[in-house]
Amino acid sequence: MTTTLHLASQLAVNVLDARSLLSAFGVLGVGVVLFAETGLLVGFFLPGDSLLFTAGLLCTGAADRGLKLSLAPLLVAAAVGALAGSQCGYFLGRRAGGALLARSRSARLHQGAKRAEELLERYGYAKAIVLARFVPVVRTVLNPMAGALRVPVRTFTVWQVTGGLVWSLGLTLAGYALGSSVPNVDRYLLPMVAVIVALSLVPLAAEVYRSRRDAQAKELRE
């Protein structure tokens, strides 16, 4: 009976809610979610930023008395999921080209692909690959986009590992540091996650603004 109830609770997990995912799958879920978000186009909607931050917070035991994660296994799972997913996405894009994106009907996914291509053109491979880690949806589509555009394997690998470690370990340790230093941090968990999500959208908003400004400037010149 207990096993049945536990299985039912896992099947009822809300994949858009970081705490729900962590309660159902723990540290293993972090690795799987990050792999799906960064390596599979179908995972573009998953909450990577808030998941990492909340998981780090829960390592202190301050945010939820019924759920406490271990920091070392969490860091390993986060890094492996983020790096392996990105590399997988790159090779899928290199093999399938633009066919993967062409089959999708998601407007949000296609918008992310456009932003990813703009990042690669504007900043070059190294900077774009690192920056993309911090932009939802873009970090999903840039990897297959880089593969389709034939970014050199060595270049992509070096910079995706650099950006992936900074992103995955940085957000996790930020949550852990906050949970360790702020009393009763659970009272502020939802507002903090909202802030993390909002901040992660700033680079995308900035790119949209720059693109529109450049387009308007081009029209005026013509």
Protein backbone atom coordinates (compact mmCIF):
# COMPACT_ATOMS: atom_id res chain seq x y z
CA MET A 1 0.00 0.00 0.00
CA THR A 2 2.80 2.39 0.93
CA THR A 3 4.60 1.60 -2.32
CA THR A 4 1.45 2.29 -4.31
CA LEU A 5 0.94 5.65 -2.64
CA HIS A 6 4.57 6.58 -3.24
CA LEU A 7 4.28 5.66 -6.93
CA ALA A 8 1.07 7.66 -7.25
CA SER A 9 2.75 10.71 -5.73
CA GLN A 10 5.58 10.43 -8.28
CA LEU A 11 3.19 10.11 -11.20
CA ALA A 12 1.32 13.20 -9.96
CA VAL A 13 4.46 15.36 -9.96
CA ASN A 14 4.19 18.87 -11.39
CA VAL A 15 7.11 19.12 -13.85
CA LEU A 16 6.87 22.92 -13.84
CA ASP A 17 7.36 23.18 -10.08
CA ALA A 18 10.90 22.80 -8.73
CA ARG A 19 9.89 21.64 -5.26
CA SER A 20 7.45 19.09 -6.65
CA LEU A 21 10.19 17.62 -8.86
CA LEU A 22 12.68 17.48 -5.99
CA SER A 23 10.16 15.90 -3.63
CA ALA A 24 9.38 13.16 -6.15
CA PHE A 25 12.82 12.41 -7.60
CA GLY A 26 15.45 14.06 -5.40
CA VAL A 27 19.00 14.54 -6.65
CA LEU A 28 18.55 12.10 -9.55
CA GLY A 29 15.69 14.22 -10.84
CA VAL A 30 17.98 17.25 -11.05
CA GLY A 31 20.34 15.46 -13.42
CA VAL A 32 17.52 14.09 -15.56
CA VAL A 33 15.71 17.44 -15.80
CA LEU A 34 18.87 19.34 -16.73
CA PHE A 35 19.74 16.74 -19.35
CA ALA A 36 16.26 17.02 -20.86
CA GLU A 37 16.23 20.82 -20.75
CA THR A 38 19.64 21.27 -22.36
CA GLY A 39 19.78 18.20 -24.60
CA LEU A 40 16.24 17.51 -25.84
CA LEU A 41 14.08 20.12 -27.55
CA VAL A 42 11.00 18.76 -25.79
CA GLY A 43 12.48 19.89 -22.46
CA PHE A 44 12.56 23.61 -23.25
CA PHE A 45 9.77 24.35 -20.73
CA LEU A 46 11.48 22.71 -17.72
CA PRO A 47 12.48 24.96 -14.76
CA GLY A 48 16.28 24.65 -14.83
CA ASP A 49 17.17 27.88 -13.02
CA SER A 50 14.64 27.60 -10.22
CA LEU A 51 15.33 23.86 -9.85
CA LEU A 52 19.05 24.42 -9.24
CA PHE A 53 18.49 27.28 -6.82
CA THR A 54 15.78 25.47 -4.86
CA ALA A 55 17.83 22.26 -4.72
CA GLY A 56 20.78 24.16 -3.27
CA LEU A 57 18.49 25.75 -0.73
CA LEU A 58 17.11 22.37 0.32
CA CYS A 59 20.62 21.06 1.03
CA THR A 60 20.61 23.21 4.17
CA GLY A 61 17.37 21.70 5.45
CA ALA A 62 16.10 25.22 6.07
CA ALA A 63 13.40 25.40 3.42
CA ASP A 64 11.51 22.19 4.09
CA ARG A 65 11.82 19.99 7.18
CA GLY A 66 10.58 16.98 5.28
CA LEU A 67 13.10 17.24 2.44
CA LYS A 68 16.86 17.63 2.71
CA LEU A 69 19.28 16.94 -0.12
CA SER A 70 23.00 16.21 0.05
CA LEU A 71 25.17 18.92 -1.50
CA ALA A 72 28.00 16.82 -3.00
CA PRO A 73 25.76 14.36 -4.93
CA LEU A 74 23.60 17.30 -6.01
CA LEU A 75 26.57 19.18 -7.48
CA VAL A 76 27.67 16.07 -9.36
CA ALA A 77 24.16 15.39 -10.71
CA ALA A 78 23.71 19.02 -11.76
CA ALA A 79 27.04 19.20 -13.57
CA VAL A 80 26.67 15.83 -15.30
CA GLY A 81 23.09 16.54 -16.41
CA ALA A 82 23.92 20.02 -17.73
CA LEU A 83 27.11 19.01 -19.56
CA ALA A 84 25.90 15.69 -20.96
CA GLY A 85 22.61 17.24 -22.11
CA SER A 86 24.31 20.08 -23.93
CA GLN A 87 26.73 17.75 -25.71
CA CYS A 88 23.87 15.44 -26.67
CA GLY A 89 21.89 18.36 -28.09
CA TYR A 90 24.90 19.44 -30.14
CA PHE A 91 25.37 16.02 -31.73
CA LEU A 92 21.63 15.70 -32.42
CA GLY A 93 21.75 19.02 -34.24
CA ARG A 94 24.91 18.06 -36.10
CA ARG A 95 23.29 14.87 -37.33
CA ALA A 96 19.73 16.02 -37.97
CA GLY A 97 20.44 19.61 -38.97
CA GLY A 98 17.41 21.93 -38.83
CA ALA A 99 14.90 19.10 -39.20
CA LEU A 100 14.38 18.89 -35.43
CA LEU A 101 13.29 22.50 -35.17
CA ALA A 102 11.31 22.39 -38.39
CA ARG A 103 9.06 19.66 -36.99
CA SER A 104 8.15 21.65 -33.88
CA ARG A 105 5.04 23.83 -33.86
CA SER A 106 6.02 25.72 -30.71
CA ALA A 107 6.26 29.47 -31.38
CA ARG A 108 8.30 29.88 -28.22
CA LEU A 109 10.79 27.27 -29.38
CA HIS A 110 11.20 28.89 -32.78
CA GLN A 111 11.66 32.28 -31.14
CA GLY A 112 14.36 30.78 -28.96
CA ALA A 113 16.06 29.33 -32.04
CA LYS A 114 16.09 32.75 -33.66
CA ARG A 115 17.65 34.28 -30.52
CA ALA A 116 20.23 31.49 -30.39
CA GLU A 117 21.27 32.14 -33.99
CA GLU A 118 21.48 35.87 -33.28
CA LEU A 119 23.68 35.22 -30.25
CA LEU A 120 26.06 33.12 -32.34
CA GLU A 121 26.25 35.79 -35.03
CA ARG A 122 26.55 38.75 -32.64
CA TYR A 123 28.99 37.43 -30.04
CA GLY A 124 30.83 34.60 -31.74
CA TYR A 125 30.91 30.97 -30.64
CA ALA A 126 32.62 31.20 -27.24
CA LYS A 127 30.65 34.07 -25.70
CA ALA A 128 27.33 32.96 -27.18
CA ILE A 129 27.63 29.39 -25.88
CA VAL A 130 28.42 30.64 -22.36
CA LEU A 131 25.71 33.34 -22.33
CA ALA A 132 23.05 30.96 -23.63
CA ARG A 133 23.28 28.92 -20.42
CA PHE A 134 21.60 31.74 -18.54
CA VAL A 135 18.69 32.27 -20.94
CA PRO A 136 15.68 29.90 -20.73
CA VAL A 137 14.70 28.22 -24.02
CA VAL A 138 17.83 29.64 -25.71
CA ARG A 139 20.00 27.23 -23.69
CA THR A 140 17.85 24.42 -25.09
CA VAL A 141 17.96 25.34 -28.76
CA LEU A 142 21.48 26.77 -29.04
CA ASN A 143 23.05 23.34 -28.65
CA PRO A 144 21.39 21.68 -31.68
CA MET A 145 21.70 25.00 -33.51
CA ALA A 146 25.47 24.98 -32.93
CA GLY A 147 25.60 21.42 -34.25
CA ALA A 148 23.55 22.27 -37.32
CA LEU A 149 25.79 25.28 -38.04
CA ARG A 150 28.87 23.05 -37.76
CA VAL A 151 30.49 24.85 -34.84
CA PRO A 152 33.78 22.93 -34.29
CA VAL A 153 33.33 20.12 -31.76
CA ARG A 154 36.32 21.18 -29.68
CA THR A 155 35.22 24.82 -29.53
CA PHE A 156 31.68 23.90 -28.56
CA THR A 157 32.78 21.38 -25.93
CA VAL A 158 35.25 23.71 -24.21
CA TRP A 159 32.79 26.58 -23.91
CA GLN A 160 29.70 24.54 -23.10
CA VAL A 161 31.62 22.90 -20.25
CA THR A 162 32.77 26.32 -19.02
CA GLY A 163 29.30 27.85 -19.17
CA GLY A 164 27.61 24.70 -17.91
CA LEU A 165 29.74 24.48 -14.78
CA VAL A 166 29.34 28.18 -13.98
CA TRP A 167 25.57 27.97 -14.46
CA SER A 168 24.78 24.66 -12.74
CA LEU A 169 27.22 24.90 -9.84
CA GLY A 170 26.82 28.65 -9.44
CA LEU A 171 23.03 28.62 -9.02
CA THR A 172 23.15 25.56 -6.77
CA LEU A 173 25.78 27.07 -4.48
CA ALA A 174 23.94 30.40 -4.45
CA GLY A 175 20.85 28.64 -3.10
CA TYR A 176 22.95 26.74 -0.57
CA ALA A 177 24.73 29.89 0.61
CA LEU A 178 21.45 31.75 1.05
CA GLY A 179 19.82 28.88 2.91
CA SER A 180 22.83 28.64 5.23
CA SER A 181 22.91 32.34 6.08
CA VAL A 182 19.28 33.52 6.19
CA PRO A 183 17.08 32.36 9.12
CA ASN A 184 13.59 31.08 8.20
CA VAL A 185 14.45 31.33 4.52
CA ASP A 186 11.47 29.13 3.65
CA ARG A 187 9.22 32.15 4.13
CA TYR A 188 10.84 33.81 1.14
CA LEU A 189 11.30 30.80 -1.12
CA LEU A 190 8.57 31.59 -3.65
CA PRO A 191 9.54 35.28 -4.04
CA MET A 192 13.20 34.28 -4.43
CA VAL A 193 12.41 31.71 -7.11
CA ALA A 194 10.31 34.33 -8.90
CA VAL A 195 13.27 36.73 -8.82
CA ILE A 196 15.61 34.03 -10.18
CA VAL A 197 13.23 33.32 -13.05
CA ALA A 198 12.80 37.05 -13.77
CA LEU A 199 16.56 37.64 -13.79
CA SER A 200 17.08 34.70 -16.14
CA LEU A 201 14.77 36.42 -18.64
CA VAL A 202 16.71 39.71 -18.58
CA PRO A 203 19.30 38.65 -21.22
CA LEU A 204 16.52 37.48 -23.56
CA ALA A 205 14.62 40.74 -23.09
CA ALA A 206 17.81 42.70 -23.75
CA GLU A 207 18.39 40.77 -26.97
CA VAL A 208 14.81 41.40 -28.13
CA TYR A 209 15.24 45.12 -27.43
CA ARG A 210 18.58 45.29 -29.29
CA SER A 211 17.16 43.41 -32.26
CA ARG A 212 14.18 45.74 -32.56
CA ARG A 213 16.39 48.81 -32.13
CA ASP A 214 18.79 47.61 -34.83
CA ALA A 215 15.88 46.79 -37.16
CA GLN A 216 14.41 50.27 -36.68
CA ALA A 217 17.80 51.88 -37.26
CA LYS A 218 18.22 49.88 -40.48
CA GLU A 219 14.78 50.97 -41.72
CA LEU A 220 15.64 54.61 -41.05
CA ARG A 221 18.91 54.31 -42.99
CA GLU A 222 17.06 52.82 -45.94
